[in-house]
């Protein structure tokens, strides 16, 4: 399998193949736009999955954010240079397809870094989460009983 060079140029409009999976905080939420589903962790042994399609205008907005922060500058295993000790950390995994290229960003540690790149990436993730958390169907899901100690 050969390496695919990631393009750093982004089309003005969202490519038709743009999709992503965002896994927030040990699967507290997993949004999968490839399969139009959202999973919420309810307990350590129980998840709830619903059919959920992110509205087109929201996908376009997320694409613009990706473009503005130059998402391809982030390595697969992202570790900001500044250190802020926060326990427990809330890891993020972001897998996406853009212009036929599949990419993945794992942010396992130091998720409270204050570097510019970290702030921009964290803002992207918070934007996605806030978008679906406003939806009435998501609000009606059972409360999570998971605690990260």
C-alpha atoms as a PDB file:
ATOM      1  CA  UNK A   1       0.000   0.000   0.000  1.00  0.00           C
ATOM      2  CA  UNK A   2       1.509   3.339  -1.036  1.00  0.00           C
ATOM      3  CA  UNK A   3       1.390   6.655   0.723  1.00  0.00           C
ATOM      4  CA  UNK A   4      -1.133   9.214  -0.434  1.00  0.00           C
ATOM      5  CA  UNK A   5       0.098  12.797  -0.348  1.00  0.00           C
ATOM      6  CA  UNK A   6      -2.372  14.978   1.491  1.00  0.00           C
ATOM      7  CA  UNK A   7      -3.304  18.068  -0.443  1.00  0.00           C
ATOM      8  CA  UNK A   8      -3.129  21.327   1.446  1.00  0.00           C
ATOM      9  CA  UNK A   9      -5.480  23.075  -0.949  1.00  0.00           C
ATOM     10  CA  UNK A  10      -9.161  22.982  -0.175  1.00  0.00           C
ATOM     11  CA  UNK A  11     -12.023  23.544  -2.603  1.00  0.00           C
ATOM     12  CA  UNK A  12     -14.200  26.568  -1.883  1.00  0.00           C
ATOM     13  CA  UNK A  13     -17.254  24.354  -1.560  1.00  0.00           C
ATOM     14  CA  UNK A  14     -17.558  21.208   0.493  1.00  0.00           C
ATOM     15  CA  UNK A  15     -16.578  18.080  -1.496  1.00  0.00           C
ATOM     16  CA  UNK A  16     -19.356  15.526  -1.942  1.00  0.00           C
ATOM     17  CA  UNK A  17     -17.298  12.837  -0.190  1.00  0.00           C
ATOM     18  CA  UNK A  18     -16.729  14.859   2.987  1.00  0.00           C
ATOM     19  CA  UNK A  19     -17.674  12.694   5.956  1.00  0.00           C
ATOM     20  CA  UNK A  20     -16.273  12.106   9.391  1.00  0.00           C
ATOM     21  CA  UNK A  21     -16.400  10.189  12.643  1.00  0.00           C
ATOM     22  CA  UNK A  22     -15.820  12.169  15.829  1.00  0.00           C
ATOM     23  CA  UNK A  23     -15.251  10.157  19.017  1.00  0.00           C
ATOM     24  CA  UNK A  24     -15.265  12.376  22.088  1.00  0.00           C
ATOM     25  CA  UNK A  25     -13.961  11.398  25.514  1.00  0.00           C
ATOM     26  CA  UNK A  26     -13.751   7.603  25.524  1.00  0.00           C
ATOM     27  CA  UNK A  27     -16.863   7.253  23.363  1.00  0.00           C
ATOM     28  CA  UNK A  28     -19.018   9.600  25.430  1.00  0.00           C
ATOM     29  CA  UNK A  29     -20.320  10.585  22.008  1.00  0.00           C
ATOM     30  CA  UNK A  30     -19.514   9.153  18.611  1.00  0.00           C
ATOM     31  CA  UNK A  31     -20.924  10.975  15.595  1.00  0.00           C
ATOM     32  CA  UNK A  32     -20.592   9.010  12.346  1.00  0.00           C
ATOM     33  CA  UNK A  33     -21.675  10.955   9.252  1.00  0.00           C
ATOM     34  CA  UNK A  34     -20.654   8.086   6.944  1.00  0.00           C
ATOM     35  CA  UNK A  35     -23.454   5.946   8.384  1.00  0.00           C
ATOM     36  CA  UNK A  36     -25.689   8.740   9.735  1.00  0.00           C
ATOM     37  CA  UNK A  37     -25.658   7.598  13.321  1.00  0.00           C
ATOM     38  CA  UNK A  38     -24.896   8.999  16.734  1.00  0.00           C
ATOM     39  CA  UNK A  39     -23.900   6.933  19.742  1.00  0.00           C
ATOM     40  CA  UNK A  40     -24.019   8.176  23.316  1.00  0.00           C
ATOM     41  CA  UNK A  41     -22.451   6.327  26.230  1.00  0.00           C
ATOM     42  CA  UNK A  42     -25.053   5.785  28.917  1.00  0.00           C
ATOM     43  CA  UNK A  43     -23.117   3.597  31.300  1.00  0.00           C
ATOM     44  CA  UNK A  44     -19.873   1.641  31.122  1.00  0.00           C
ATOM     45  CA  UNK A  45     -21.777  -1.342  29.743  1.00  0.00           C
ATOM     46  CA  UNK A  46     -24.487   0.460  27.759  1.00  0.00           C
ATOM     47  CA  UNK A  47     -24.533   2.745  24.736  1.00  0.00           C
ATOM     48  CA  UNK A  48     -27.487   4.162  22.856  1.00  0.00           C
ATOM     49  CA  UNK A  49     -27.280   4.604  19.084  1.00  0.00           C
ATOM     50  CA  UNK A  50     -29.769   6.585  17.036  1.00  0.00           C
ATOM     51  CA  UNK A  51     -30.084   7.347  13.369  1.00  0.00           C
ATOM     52  CA  UNK A  52     -28.783  10.891  13.040  1.00  0.00           C
ATOM     53  CA  UNK A  53     -28.001  12.909   9.947  1.00  0.00           C
ATOM     54  CA  UNK A  54     -26.044  16.099  10.444  1.00  0.00           C
ATOM     55  CA  UNK A  55     -27.878  18.771   8.427  1.00  0.00           C
ATOM     56  CA  UNK A  56     -26.168  19.771   5.184  1.00  0.00           C
ATOM     57  CA  UNK A  57     -25.687  23.382   6.283  1.00  0.00           C
ATOM     58  CA  UNK A  58     -23.947  22.149   9.452  1.00  0.00           C
ATOM     59  CA  UNK A  59     -21.673  19.809   7.473  1.00  0.00           C
ATOM     60  CA  UNK A  60     -20.802  22.760   5.237  1.00  0.00           C
ATOM     61  CA  UNK A  61     -20.053  24.884   8.308  1.00  0.00           C
ATOM     62  CA  UNK A  62     -17.816  22.141   9.751  1.00  0.00           C
ATOM     63  CA  UNK A  63     -16.025  21.878   6.392  1.00  0.00           C
ATOM     64  CA  UNK A  64     -15.314  25.626   6.469  1.00  0.00           C
ATOM     65  CA  UNK A  65     -13.805  25.277   9.929  1.00  0.00           C
ATOM     66  CA  UNK A  66     -11.613  22.375   8.717  1.00  0.00           C
ATOM     67  CA  UNK A  67     -10.481  24.493   5.816  1.00  0.00           C
ATOM     68  CA  UNK A  68      -9.802  27.573   7.974  1.00  0.00           C
ATOM     69  CA  UNK A  69      -7.667  25.684  10.490  1.00  0.00           C
ATOM     70  CA  UNK A  70      -5.899  23.684   7.739  1.00  0.00           C
ATOM     71  CA  UNK A  71      -6.852  20.298   9.165  1.00  0.00           C
ATOM     72  CA  UNK A  72      -4.094  18.539   7.224  1.00  0.00           C
ATOM     73  CA  UNK A  73      -1.383  20.205   9.308  1.00  0.00           C
ATOM     74  CA  UNK A  74      -2.303  17.959  12.246  1.00  0.00           C
ATOM     75  CA  UNK A  75      -0.421  14.661  12.475  1.00  0.00           C
ATOM     76  CA  UNK A  76      -2.235  11.378  13.076  1.00  0.00           C
ATOM     77  CA  UNK A  77      -1.081  11.347  16.698  1.00  0.00           C
ATOM     78  CA  UNK A  78      -1.417  14.944  17.802  1.00  0.00           C
ATOM     79  CA  UNK A  79       0.456  16.144  20.876  1.00  0.00           C
ATOM     80  CA  UNK A  80       0.637  19.903  21.432  1.00  0.00           C
ATOM     81  CA  UNK A  81       3.911  21.338  22.646  1.00  0.00           C
ATOM     82  CA  UNK A  82       2.526  23.120  25.692  1.00  0.00           C
ATOM     83  CA  UNK A  83       1.725  21.010  28.711  1.00  0.00           C
ATOM     84  CA  UNK A  84      -1.232  21.466  30.975  1.00  0.00           C
ATOM     85  CA  UNK A  85      -1.771  18.622  33.396  1.00  0.00           C
ATOM     86  CA  UNK A  86      -5.466  17.790  33.494  1.00  0.00           C
ATOM     87  CA  UNK A  87      -6.674  14.474  34.809  1.00  0.00           C
ATOM     88  CA  UNK A  88      -8.538  12.747  33.485  1.00  0.00           C
ATOM     89  CA  UNK A  89      -7.908  13.843  29.924  1.00  0.00           C
ATOM     90  CA  UNK A  90     -10.744  13.786  27.406  1.00  0.00           C
ATOM     91  CA  UNK A  91      -9.293  12.201  24.271  1.00  0.00           C
ATOM     92  CA  UNK A  92     -10.626  12.889  20.800  1.00  0.00           C
ATOM     93  CA  UNK A  93     -10.442  10.808  17.650  1.00  0.00           C
ATOM     94  CA  UNK A  94     -11.386  12.470  14.379  1.00  0.00           C
ATOM     95  CA  UNK A  95     -11.454  10.383  11.198  1.00  0.00           C
ATOM     96  CA  UNK A  96     -12.485  12.061   7.977  1.00  0.00           C
ATOM     97  CA  UNK A  97     -12.612  11.763   4.211  1.00  0.00           C
ATOM     98  CA  UNK A  98     -11.939  14.799   2.091  1.00  0.00           C
ATOM     99  CA  UNK A  99     -11.362  14.746  -1.673  1.00  0.00           C
ATOM    100  CA  UNK A 100     -10.827  10.980  -1.675  1.00  0.00           C
ATOM    101  CA  UNK A 101      -8.217  11.076   1.086  1.00  0.00           C
ATOM    102  CA  UNK A 102      -8.883   9.357   4.426  1.00  0.00           C
ATOM    103  CA  UNK A 103      -7.217  10.933   7.458  1.00  0.00           C
ATOM    104  CA  UNK A 104      -7.244  10.419  11.198  1.00  0.00           C
ATOM    105  CA  UNK A 105      -6.238  12.540  14.178  1.00  0.00           C
ATOM    106  CA  UNK A 106      -5.788  10.980  17.621  1.00  0.00           C
ATOM    107  CA  UNK A 107      -5.520  13.476  20.447  1.00  0.00           C
ATOM    108  CA  UNK A 108      -4.984  11.326  23.529  1.00  0.00           C
ATOM    109  CA  UNK A 109      -3.085  13.534  25.946  1.00  0.00           C
ATOM    110  CA  UNK A 110      -2.869  17.155  27.006  1.00  0.00           C
ATOM    111  CA  UNK A 111      -6.269  18.105  25.614  1.00  0.00           C
ATOM    112  CA  UNK A 112      -6.234  21.379  27.528  1.00  0.00           C
ATOM    113  CA  UNK A 113      -3.172  22.790  25.747  1.00  0.00           C
ATOM    114  CA  UNK A 114      -3.353  26.507  25.025  1.00  0.00           C
ATOM    115  CA  UNK A 115      -1.335  26.511  21.791  1.00  0.00           C
ATOM    116  CA  UNK A 116      -3.067  28.149  18.824  1.00  0.00           C
ATOM    117  CA  UNK A 117      -3.337  24.833  16.936  1.00  0.00           C
ATOM    118  CA  UNK A 118      -4.754  23.040  19.986  1.00  0.00           C
ATOM    119  CA  UNK A 119      -7.322  25.769  20.585  1.00  0.00           C
ATOM    120  CA  UNK A 120      -8.432  25.638  16.949  1.00  0.00           C
ATOM    121  CA  UNK A 121      -8.765  21.854  16.916  1.00  0.00           C
ATOM    122  CA  UNK A 122     -10.597  21.808  20.252  1.00  0.00           C
ATOM    123  CA  UNK A 123     -12.956  24.511  18.943  1.00  0.00           C
ATOM    124  CA  UNK A 124     -13.716  22.341  15.896  1.00  0.00           C
ATOM    125  CA  UNK A 125     -14.650  19.414  18.126  1.00  0.00           C
ATOM    126  CA  UNK A 126     -16.755  21.591  20.431  1.00  0.00           C
ATOM    127  CA  UNK A 127     -18.559  23.065  17.411  1.00  0.00           C
ATOM    128  CA  UNK A 128     -19.501  19.592  16.180  1.00  0.00           C
ATOM    129  CA  UNK A 129     -20.680  18.472  19.630  1.00  0.00           C
ATOM    130  CA  UNK A 130     -22.674  21.654  20.287  1.00  0.00           C
ATOM    131  CA  UNK A 131     -24.394  21.221  16.917  1.00  0.00           C
ATOM    132  CA  UNK A 132     -25.854  17.815  17.700  1.00  0.00           C
ATOM    133  CA  UNK A 133     -26.422  18.475  21.410  1.00  0.00           C
ATOM    134  CA  UNK A 134     -28.955  21.189  20.435  1.00  0.00           C
ATOM    135  CA  UNK A 135     -31.061  18.636  18.575  1.00  0.00           C
ATOM    136  CA  UNK A 136     -34.216  17.629  20.450  1.00  0.00           C
ATOM    137  CA  UNK A 137     -33.700  13.931  19.705  1.00  0.00           C
ATOM    138  CA  UNK A 138     -30.234  14.047  21.238  1.00  0.00           C
ATOM    139  CA  UNK A 139     -31.474  16.044  24.231  1.00  0.00           C
ATOM    140  CA  UNK A 140     -34.087  13.349  24.879  1.00  0.00           C
ATOM    141  CA  UNK A 141     -31.485  10.566  25.154  1.00  0.00           C
ATOM    142  CA  UNK A 142     -30.906   9.184  28.658  1.00  0.00           C
ATOM    143  CA  UNK A 143     -28.332  10.972  30.797  1.00  0.00           C
ATOM    144  CA  UNK A 144     -24.908   9.406  30.877  1.00  0.00           C
ATOM    145  CA  UNK A 145     -23.979   7.778  34.163  1.00  0.00           C
ATOM    146  CA  UNK A 146     -20.315   7.470  33.203  1.00  0.00           C
ATOM    147  CA  UNK A 147     -17.875   9.165  35.515  1.00  0.00           C
ATOM    148  CA  UNK A 148     -14.242   9.714  34.680  1.00  0.00           C
ATOM    149  CA  UNK A 149     -12.300   9.609  37.920  1.00  0.00           C
END
